Amino acid sequence: MKNFQINPRLFALLALSFVLATIVGTVSHELGHFAVAKFYEARPTLHYASVSHDEPPKALIALNQRHDRDKAKIDSPNPSPEKEAYLAYRKKLAHKNNTIKLLINLGGPLQTMLTGSLGGLMLWRRRNKIATLGMRTPDWFWVILACIWSSQLANFLVVLKIFFIRHRISRGDETRISRYFGWHLLTVNTITGIAAAAVLLWVVFIIIPKTQRFNFILAGLCGSALGWLVWMGWMGPVLLP
């Protein structure tokens, strides 16, 4: 039963770390979308749980200029080289814009997974020292960072719940990515969810010592839930409406 005793100090510190990690992880995920949209000059706006953006303005300007230049022929019901060129360019532009939207959608999950993978990599490098000397403060930091992967698992579980209960697949980054490639809409969610589960199981049952495992799991559940409620229900809508 010793392994299931609560260490108040450890629990409090870990729970607080998970509160902060949940908030920072949510914002950094959206910043991943924001950075890609900014790169493509899509005029993004950062919100507490999403990023809104326009179509890339340069491309729209070029399309509108073509239309204004040959407006009469393009709007005419009769075929013309100008009209064919305009329609071909519009089709090409639509494909390009769809690719940009894909990259914007990828920005959030990639940021989340790369950040979590950095934590996992550092834990892998330090695994022998942890096994010998136990957890040190820097190790806990890398553990919390690796647990950023948990958002991918949470997304997967939520999507599965909606799928089996409501018989539909909810919209989200992973769903849009799967749709772009013509895959089943659960494909990316499933892959990233399984990867996240593997990382978390490795961290919890291989890296975390048995004597601290219960406190870690309990603090992770409580801290993540509290962080989500604080950010999504209170701070987020105020700071980043």
C-alpha atoms as a PDB file:
ATOM      1  CA  MET A   1       0.000   0.000   0.000  1.00  0.00           C
ATOM      2  CA  LYS A   2       3.018   2.278   0.319  1.00  0.00           C
ATOM      3  CA  ASN A   3       2.973   2.882  -3.433  1.00  0.00           C
ATOM      4  CA  PHE A   4      -0.597   4.204  -3.149  1.00  0.00           C
ATOM      5  CA  GLN A   5      -0.008   6.762  -0.408  1.00  0.00           C
ATOM      6  CA  ILE A   6      -0.449  10.409  -1.306  1.00  0.00           C
ATOM      7  CA  ASN A   7       2.580  12.625  -0.860  1.00  0.00           C
ATOM      8  CA  PRO A   8       0.918  16.040  -0.373  1.00  0.00           C
ATOM      9  CA  ARG A   9       3.926  18.077  -1.521  1.00  0.00           C
ATOM     10  CA  LEU A  10       4.641  15.971  -4.598  1.00  0.00           C
ATOM     11  CA  PHE A  11       0.956  15.789  -5.498  1.00  0.00           C
ATOM     12  CA  ALA A  12       0.483  19.562  -5.164  1.00  0.00           C
ATOM     13  CA  LEU A  13       3.571  20.395  -7.229  1.00  0.00           C
ATOM     14  CA  LEU A  14       2.691  17.929  -9.968  1.00  0.00           C
ATOM     15  CA  ALA A  15      -0.961  18.986 -10.067  1.00  0.00           C
ATOM     16  CA  LEU A  16       0.051  22.642 -10.394  1.00  0.00           C
ATOM     17  CA  SER A  17       2.524  21.693 -13.126  1.00  0.00           C
ATOM     18  CA  PHE A  18      -0.232  19.917 -15.037  1.00  0.00           C
ATOM     19  CA  VAL A  19      -2.543  22.925 -14.673  1.00  0.00           C
ATOM     20  CA  LEU A  20       0.109  25.155 -16.212  1.00  0.00           C
ATOM     21  CA  ALA A  21       1.068  22.551 -18.823  1.00  0.00           C
ATOM     22  CA  THR A  22      -2.551  22.196 -19.936  1.00  0.00           C
ATOM     23  CA  ILE A  23      -2.898  25.943 -20.430  1.00  0.00           C
ATOM     24  CA  VAL A  24       0.489  26.366 -22.101  1.00  0.00           C
ATOM     25  CA  GLY A  25      -0.057  23.261 -24.227  1.00  0.00           C
ATOM     26  CA  THR A  26      -3.435  24.521 -25.456  1.00  0.00           C
ATOM     27  CA  VAL A  27      -2.078  27.956 -26.361  1.00  0.00           C
ATOM     28  CA  SER A  28       1.098  26.591 -27.962  1.00  0.00           C
ATOM     29  CA  HIS A  29      -1.014  24.214 -30.055  1.00  0.00           C
ATOM     30  CA  GLU A  30      -2.945  27.184 -31.416  1.00  0.00           C
ATOM     31  CA  LEU A  31       0.298  29.095 -31.914  1.00  0.00           C
ATOM     32  CA  GLY A  32       1.376  26.260 -34.204  1.00  0.00           C
ATOM     33  CA  HIS A  33      -1.624  27.028 -36.417  1.00  0.00           C
ATOM     34  CA  PHE A  34      -1.003  30.751 -36.045  1.00  0.00           C
ATOM     35  CA  ALA A  35       2.653  30.554 -37.125  1.00  0.00           C
ATOM     36  CA  VAL A  36       1.873  28.682 -40.347  1.00  0.00           C
ATOM     37  CA  ALA A  37      -1.043  30.984 -41.185  1.00  0.00           C
ATOM     38  CA  LYS A  38       1.186  34.002 -40.512  1.00  0.00           C
ATOM     39  CA  PHE A  39       3.891  32.578 -42.773  1.00  0.00           C
ATOM     40  CA  TYR A  40       1.404  32.330 -45.638  1.00  0.00           C
ATOM     41  CA  GLU A  41       0.059  35.833 -44.904  1.00  0.00           C
ATOM     42  CA  ALA A  42      -3.423  34.533 -44.134  1.00  0.00           C
ATOM     43  CA  ARG A  43      -3.956  37.228 -41.459  1.00  0.00           C
ATOM     44  CA  PRO A  44      -4.545  34.886 -38.512  1.00  0.00           C
ATOM     45  CA  THR A  45      -6.194  35.824 -35.229  1.00  0.00           C
ATOM     46  CA  LEU A  46      -5.344  33.855 -32.103  1.00  0.00           C
ATOM     47  CA  HIS A  47      -8.257  32.812 -29.881  1.00  0.00           C
ATOM     48  CA  TYR A  48      -8.161  30.827 -26.645  1.00  0.00           C
ATOM     49  CA  ALA A  49      -8.995  27.514 -28.361  1.00  0.00           C
ATOM     50  CA  SER A  50      -8.743  28.216 -32.087  1.00  0.00           C
ATOM     51  CA  VAL A  51      -7.168  30.344 -34.793  1.00  0.00           C
ATOM     52  CA  SER A  52      -9.237  32.149 -37.394  1.00  0.00           C
ATOM     53  CA  HIS A  53      -7.651  33.247 -40.654  1.00  0.00           C
ATOM     54  CA  ASP A  54      -8.432  34.553 -44.123  1.00  0.00           C
ATOM     55  CA  GLU A  55      -7.516  33.181 -47.498  1.00  0.00           C
ATOM     56  CA  PRO A  56      -3.924  34.089 -48.466  1.00  0.00           C
ATOM     57  CA  PRO A  57      -4.413  37.704 -49.690  1.00  0.00           C
ATOM     58  CA  LYS A  58      -1.738  37.767 -52.398  1.00  0.00           C
ATOM     59  CA  ALA A  59      -3.353  34.867 -54.196  1.00  0.00           C
ATOM     60  CA  LEU A  60      -6.784  36.459 -54.012  1.00  0.00           C
ATOM     61  CA  ILE A  61      -5.426  39.767 -55.264  1.00  0.00           C
ATOM     62  CA  ALA A  62      -3.806  38.067 -58.250  1.00  0.00           C
ATOM     63  CA  LEU A  63      -7.048  36.235 -59.041  1.00  0.00           C
ATOM     64  CA  ASN A  64      -9.114  39.401 -58.790  1.00  0.00           C
ATOM     65  CA  GLN A  65      -6.660  41.281 -60.991  1.00  0.00           C
ATOM     66  CA  ARG A  66      -7.000  38.654 -63.679  1.00  0.00           C
ATOM     67  CA  HIS A  67     -10.755  38.839 -63.458  1.00  0.00           C
ATOM     68  CA  ASP A  68     -10.819  42.646 -63.613  1.00  0.00           C
ATOM     69  CA  ARG A  69      -8.453  42.679 -66.576  1.00  0.00           C
ATOM     70  CA  ASP A  70     -10.619  40.377 -68.716  1.00  0.00           C
ATOM     71  CA  LYS A  71     -13.943  40.789 -66.947  1.00  0.00           C
ATOM     72  CA  ALA A  72     -16.108  40.974 -70.062  1.00  0.00           C
ATOM     73  CA  LYS A  73     -14.702  37.796 -71.624  1.00  0.00           C
ATOM     74  CA  ILE A  74     -14.559  35.868 -68.355  1.00  0.00           C
ATOM     75  CA  ASP A  75     -18.161  36.694 -67.411  1.00  0.00           C
ATOM     76  CA  SER A  76     -19.397  36.042 -70.910  1.00  0.00           C
ATOM     77  CA  PRO A  77     -21.182  32.712 -71.528  1.00  0.00           C
ATOM     78  CA  ASN A  78     -19.056  32.296 -74.664  1.00  0.00           C
ATOM     79  CA  PRO A  79     -15.717  30.470 -74.498  1.00  0.00           C
ATOM     80  CA  SER A  80     -12.471  32.402 -74.921  1.00  0.00           C
ATOM     81  CA  PRO A  81      -8.750  31.883 -74.277  1.00  0.00           C
ATOM     82  CA  GLU A  82      -8.914  34.478 -71.486  1.00  0.00           C
ATOM     83  CA  LYS A  83     -11.790  32.683 -69.799  1.00  0.00           C
ATOM     84  CA  GLU A  84     -10.071  29.294 -70.060  1.00  0.00           C
ATOM     85  CA  ALA A  85      -6.855  30.764 -68.657  1.00  0.00           C
ATOM     86  CA  TYR A  86      -8.742  32.375 -65.771  1.00  0.00           C
ATOM     87  CA  LEU A  87     -10.612  29.171 -64.887  1.00  0.00           C
ATOM     88  CA  ALA A  88      -7.407  27.145 -65.062  1.00  0.00           C
ATOM     89  CA  TYR A  89      -5.661  29.645 -62.798  1.00  0.00           C
ATOM     90  CA  ARG A  90      -8.572  29.632 -60.354  1.00  0.00           C
ATOM     91  CA  LYS A  91      -8.447  25.835 -60.199  1.00  0.00           C
ATOM     92  CA  LYS A  92      -4.693  25.940 -59.591  1.00  0.00           C
ATOM     93  CA  LEU A  93      -5.171  28.576 -56.925  1.00  0.00           C
ATOM     94  CA  ALA A  94      -7.884  26.535 -55.206  1.00  0.00           C
ATOM     95  CA  HIS A  95      -5.521  23.548 -55.037  1.00  0.00           C
ATOM     96  CA  LYS A  96      -2.755  25.757 -53.629  1.00  0.00           C
ATOM     97  CA  ASN A  97      -5.089  27.234 -51.033  1.00  0.00           C
ATOM     98  CA  ASN A  98      -6.234  23.754 -50.001  1.00  0.00           C
ATOM     99  CA  THR A  99      -2.589  22.808 -49.486  1.00  0.00           C
ATOM    100  CA  ILE A 100      -2.031  25.906 -47.368  1.00  0.00           C
ATOM    101  CA  LYS A 101      -5.098  25.043 -45.288  1.00  0.00           C
ATOM    102  CA  LEU A 102      -3.664  21.546 -44.820  1.00  0.00           C
ATOM    103  CA  LEU A 103      -0.384  23.009 -43.561  1.00  0.00           C
ATOM    104  CA  ILE A 104      -2.243  25.335 -41.204  1.00  0.00           C
ATOM    105  CA  ASN A 105      -4.208  22.370 -39.858  1.00  0.00           C
ATOM    106  CA  LEU A 106      -0.962  20.417 -39.464  1.00  0.00           C
ATOM    107  CA  GLY A 107       0.688  23.263 -37.553  1.00  0.00           C
ATOM    108  CA  GLY A 108      -1.167  22.620 -34.291  1.00  0.00           C
ATOM    109  CA  PRO A 109      -0.810  18.818 -33.985  1.00  0.00           C
ATOM    110  CA  LEU A 110       2.801  18.925 -35.206  1.00  0.00           C
ATOM    111  CA  GLN A 111       3.673  21.528 -32.589  1.00  0.00           C
ATOM    112  CA  THR A 112       2.043  19.401 -29.896  1.00  0.00           C
ATOM    113  CA  MET A 113       3.724  16.173 -30.980  1.00  0.00           C
ATOM    114  CA  LEU A 114       7.162  17.726 -31.501  1.00  0.00           C
ATOM    115  CA  THR A 115       7.033  19.357 -28.077  1.00  0.00           C
ATOM    116  CA  GLY A 116       5.961  16.090 -26.452  1.00  0.00           C
ATOM    117  CA  SER A 117       8.615  14.196 -28.401  1.00  0.00           C
ATOM    118  CA  LEU A 118      11.310  16.555 -27.125  1.00  0.00           C
ATOM    119  CA  GLY A 119      10.319  15.662 -23.572  1.00  0.00           C
ATOM    120  CA  GLY A 120      10.289  11.977 -24.451  1.00  0.00           C
ATOM    121  CA  LEU A 121      13.720  12.197 -26.097  1.00  0.00           C
ATOM    122  CA  MET A 122      15.248  13.848 -23.043  1.00  0.00           C
ATOM    123  CA  LEU A 123      13.722  11.194 -20.795  1.00  0.00           C
ATOM    124  CA  TRP A 124      15.148   8.495 -23.044  1.00  0.00           C
ATOM    125  CA  ARG A 125      18.596  10.032 -22.722  1.00  0.00           C
ATOM    126  CA  ARG A 126      18.265  10.273 -18.934  1.00  0.00           C
ATOM    127  CA  ARG A 127      16.503   6.947 -18.335  1.00  0.00           C
ATOM    128  CA  ASN A 128      19.542   5.194 -16.835  1.00  0.00           C
ATOM    129  CA  LYS A 129      20.249   8.049 -14.425  1.00  0.00           C
ATOM    130  CA  ILE A 130      16.598   8.112 -13.401  1.00  0.00           C
ATOM    131  CA  ALA A 131      16.649   4.366 -12.777  1.00  0.00           C
ATOM    132  CA  THR A 132      19.775   4.743 -10.647  1.00  0.00           C
ATOM    133  CA  LEU A 133      19.309   8.071  -8.881  1.00  0.00           C
ATOM    134  CA  GLY A 134      15.548   8.579  -9.038  1.00  0.00           C
ATOM    135  CA  MET A 135      13.642  11.584 -10.345  1.00  0.00           C
ATOM    136  CA  ARG A 136      15.240  15.011 -10.155  1.00  0.00           C
ATOM    137  CA  THR A 137      13.601  18.383 -10.839  1.00  0.00           C
ATOM    138  CA  PRO A 138      14.761  18.532 -14.494  1.00  0.00           C
ATOM    139  CA  ASP A 139      13.380  15.020 -15.015  1.00  0.00           C
ATOM    140  CA  TRP A 140       9.927  16.092 -13.840  1.00  0.00           C
ATOM    141  CA  PHE A 141      10.065  18.970 -16.316  1.00  0.00           C
ATOM    142  CA  TRP A 142      10.759  16.578 -19.188  1.00  0.00           C
ATOM    143  CA  VAL A 143       8.019  14.245 -17.947  1.00  0.00           C
ATOM    144  CA  ILE A 144       5.448  17.054 -17.984  1.00  0.00           C
ATOM    145  CA  LEU A 145       6.682  18.078 -21.433  1.00  0.00           C
ATOM    146  CA  ALA A 146       6.349  14.516 -22.745  1.00  0.00           C
ATOM    147  CA  CYS A 147       2.801  14.411 -21.412  1.00  0.00           C
ATOM    148  CA  ILE A 148       1.861  17.158 -23.869  1.00  0.00           C
ATOM    149  CA  TRP A 149       1.224  14.122 -26.083  1.00  0.00           C
ATOM    150  CA  SER A 150      -1.847  13.450 -23.928  1.00  0.00           C
ATOM    151  CA  SER A 151      -3.859  16.020 -25.888  1.00  0.00           C
ATOM    152  CA  GLN A 152      -3.645  13.737 -28.939  1.00  0.00           C
ATOM    153  CA  LEU A 153      -4.950  10.828 -26.885  1.00  0.00           C
ATOM    154  CA  ALA A 154      -7.731  13.000 -25.456  1.00  0.00           C
ATOM    155  CA  ASN A 155      -8.736  14.104 -28.958  1.00  0.00           C
ATOM    156  CA  PHE A 156      -8.837  10.481 -30.102  1.00  0.00           C
ATOM    157  CA  LEU A 157     -10.999   9.377 -27.157  1.00  0.00           C
ATOM    158  CA  VAL A 158     -13.422  12.271 -27.639  1.00  0.00           C
ATOM    159  CA  VAL A 159     -13.744  11.521 -31.348  1.00  0.00           C
ATOM    160  CA  LEU A 160     -14.363   7.833 -30.590  1.00  0.00           C
ATOM    161  CA  LYS A 161     -17.004   8.719 -28.012  1.00  0.00           C
ATOM    162  CA  ILE A 162     -18.856  10.964 -30.460  1.00  0.00           C
ATOM    163  CA  PHE A 163     -18.506   8.359 -33.205  1.00  0.00           C
ATOM    164  CA  PHE A 164     -20.005   5.514 -31.180  1.00  0.00           C
ATOM    165  CA  ILE A 165     -22.649   7.520 -29.326  1.00  0.00           C
ATOM    166  CA  ARG A 166     -23.770  10.028 -31.952  1.00  0.00           C
ATOM    167  CA  HIS A 167     -22.660   8.061 -35.022  1.00  0.00           C
ATOM    168  CA  ARG A 168     -20.749  10.946 -36.544  1.00  0.00           C
ATOM    169  CA  ILE A 169     -17.148  12.098 -36.704  1.00  0.00           C
ATOM    170  CA  SER A 170     -16.476  15.458 -35.119  1.00  0.00           C
ATOM    171  CA  ARG A 171     -14.559  18.131 -36.952  1.00  0.00           C
ATOM    172  CA  GLY A 172     -10.991  18.802 -35.914  1.00  0.00           C
ATOM    173  CA  ASP A 173      -7.442  19.149 -37.181  1.00  0.00           C
ATOM    174  CA  GLU A 174      -6.910  15.411 -37.545  1.00  0.00           C
ATOM    175  CA  THR A 175     -10.248  14.906 -39.285  1.00  0.00           C
ATOM    176  CA  ARG A 176      -9.479  17.658 -41.808  1.00  0.00           C
ATOM    177  CA  ILE A 177      -6.033  16.208 -42.475  1.00  0.00           C
ATOM    178  CA  SER A 178      -7.504  12.759 -43.107  1.00  0.00           C
ATOM    179  CA  ARG A 179     -10.114  14.258 -45.440  1.00  0.00           C
ATOM    180  CA  TYR A 180      -7.463  16.101 -47.452  1.00  0.00           C
ATOM    181  CA  PHE A 181      -5.619  12.852 -48.226  1.00  0.00           C
ATOM    182  CA  GLY A 182      -8.816  10.928 -48.911  1.00  0.00           C
ATOM    183  CA  TRP A 183      -8.358   8.620 -45.932  1.00  0.00           C
ATOM    184  CA  HIS A 184     -11.016   7.407 -43.533  1.00  0.00           C
ATOM    185  CA  LEU A 185     -11.796  10.350 -41.273  1.00  0.00           C
ATOM    186  CA  LEU A 186     -10.603   8.510 -38.163  1.00  0.00           C
ATOM    187  CA  THR A 187      -7.187   7.650 -39.634  1.00  0.00           C
ATOM    188  CA  VAL A 188      -5.023  10.468 -38.300  1.00  0.00           C
ATOM    189  CA  ASN A 189      -6.852  10.556 -34.973  1.00  0.00           C
ATOM    190  CA  THR A 190      -6.248   6.833 -34.565  1.00  0.00           C
ATOM    191  CA  ILE A 191      -2.558   6.967 -35.475  1.00  0.00           C
ATOM    192  CA  THR A 192      -1.742   9.933 -33.246  1.00  0.00           C
ATOM    193  CA  GLY A 193      -3.938   8.602 -30.439  1.00  0.00           C
ATOM    194  CA  ILE A 194      -2.154   5.237 -30.400  1.00  0.00           C
ATOM    195  CA  ALA A 195       1.237   6.959 -30.558  1.00  0.00           C
ATOM    196  CA  ALA A 196       0.242   9.186 -27.637  1.00  0.00           C
ATOM    197  CA  ALA A 197      -0.940   6.194 -25.606  1.00  0.00           C
ATOM    198  CA  ALA A 198       2.388   4.437 -26.223  1.00  0.00           C
ATOM    199  CA  VAL A 199       4.391   7.474 -25.085  1.00  0.00           C
ATOM    200  CA  LEU A 200       2.276   7.952 -21.954  1.00  0.00           C
ATOM    201  CA  LEU A 201       2.413   4.269 -20.979  1.00  0.00           C
ATOM    202  CA  TRP A 202       6.191   4.313 -21.371  1.00  0.00           C
ATOM    203  CA  VAL A 203       6.519   7.440 -19.235  1.00  0.00           C
ATOM    204  CA  VAL A 204       4.170   6.227 -16.500  1.00  0.00           C
ATOM    205  CA  PHE A 205       5.213   2.591 -16.215  1.00  0.00           C
ATOM    206  CA  ILE A 206       8.871   2.682 -17.267  1.00  0.00           C
ATOM    207  CA  ILE A 207      10.205   6.130 -16.358  1.00  0.00           C
ATOM    208  CA  ILE A 208       8.222   7.091 -13.237  1.00  0.00           C
ATOM    209  CA  PRO A 209       9.358   5.127 -10.135  1.00  0.00           C
ATOM    210  CA  LYS A 210       6.697   2.920  -8.552  1.00  0.00           C
ATOM    211  CA  THR A 211       6.734   4.910  -5.320  1.00  0.00           C
ATOM    212  CA  GLN A 212       5.763   8.101  -7.172  1.00  0.00           C
ATOM    213  CA  ARG A 213       3.534   6.622  -9.865  1.00  0.00           C
ATOM    214  CA  PHE A 214       0.216   6.904  -8.022  1.00  0.00           C
ATOM    215  CA  ASN A 215       0.818  10.538  -7.096  1.00  0.00           C
ATOM    216  CA  PHE A 216       1.803  11.287 -10.675  1.00  0.00           C
ATOM    217  CA  ILE A 217      -1.284   9.674 -12.226  1.00  0.00           C
ATOM    218  CA  LEU A 218      -3.652  11.300  -9.723  1.00  0.00           C
ATOM    219  CA  ALA A 219      -2.007  14.710 -10.085  1.00  0.00           C
ATOM    220  CA  GLY A 220      -2.052  14.395 -13.862  1.00  0.00           C
ATOM    221  CA  LEU A 221      -5.767  13.664 -13.968  1.00  0.00           C
ATOM    222  CA  CYS A 222      -6.710  16.365 -11.448  1.00  0.00           C
ATOM    223  CA  GLY A 223      -4.311  19.006 -12.741  1.00  0.00           C
ATOM    224  CA  SER A 224      -5.203  18.495 -16.396  1.00  0.00           C
ATOM    225  CA  ALA A 225      -8.934  18.655 -15.651  1.00  0.00           C
ATOM    226  CA  LEU A 226      -8.532  21.782 -13.530  1.00  0.00           C
ATOM    227  CA  GLY A 227      -6.271  23.423 -16.112  1.00  0.00           C
ATOM    228  CA  TRP A 228      -8.810  22.721 -18.847  1.00  0.00           C
ATOM    229  CA  LEU A 229     -11.637  24.187 -16.778  1.00  0.00           C
ATOM    230  CA  VAL A 230      -9.604  27.252 -15.804  1.00  0.00           C
ATOM    231  CA  TRP A 231      -8.502  28.023 -19.348  1.00  0.00           C
ATOM    232  CA  MET A 232     -11.580  27.020 -21.337  1.00  0.00           C
ATOM    233  CA  GLY A 233     -14.158  28.271 -18.857  1.00  0.00           C
ATOM    234  CA  TRP A 234     -12.502  31.282 -17.279  1.00  0.00           C
ATOM    235  CA  MET A 235      -9.130  32.697 -18.336  1.00  0.00           C
ATOM    236  CA  GLY A 236      -9.155  31.825 -22.030  1.00  0.00           C
ATOM    237  CA  PRO A 237     -12.375  33.600 -23.047  1.00  0.00           C
ATOM    238  CA  VAL A 238     -11.210  36.699 -21.142  1.00  0.00           C
ATOM    239  CA  LEU A 239      -7.606  36.869 -22.353  1.00  0.00           C
ATOM    240  CA  LEU A 240      -8.040  35.561 -25.898  1.00  0.00           C
ATOM    241  CA  PRO A 241     -11.733  35.801 -26.845  1.00  0.00           C
END
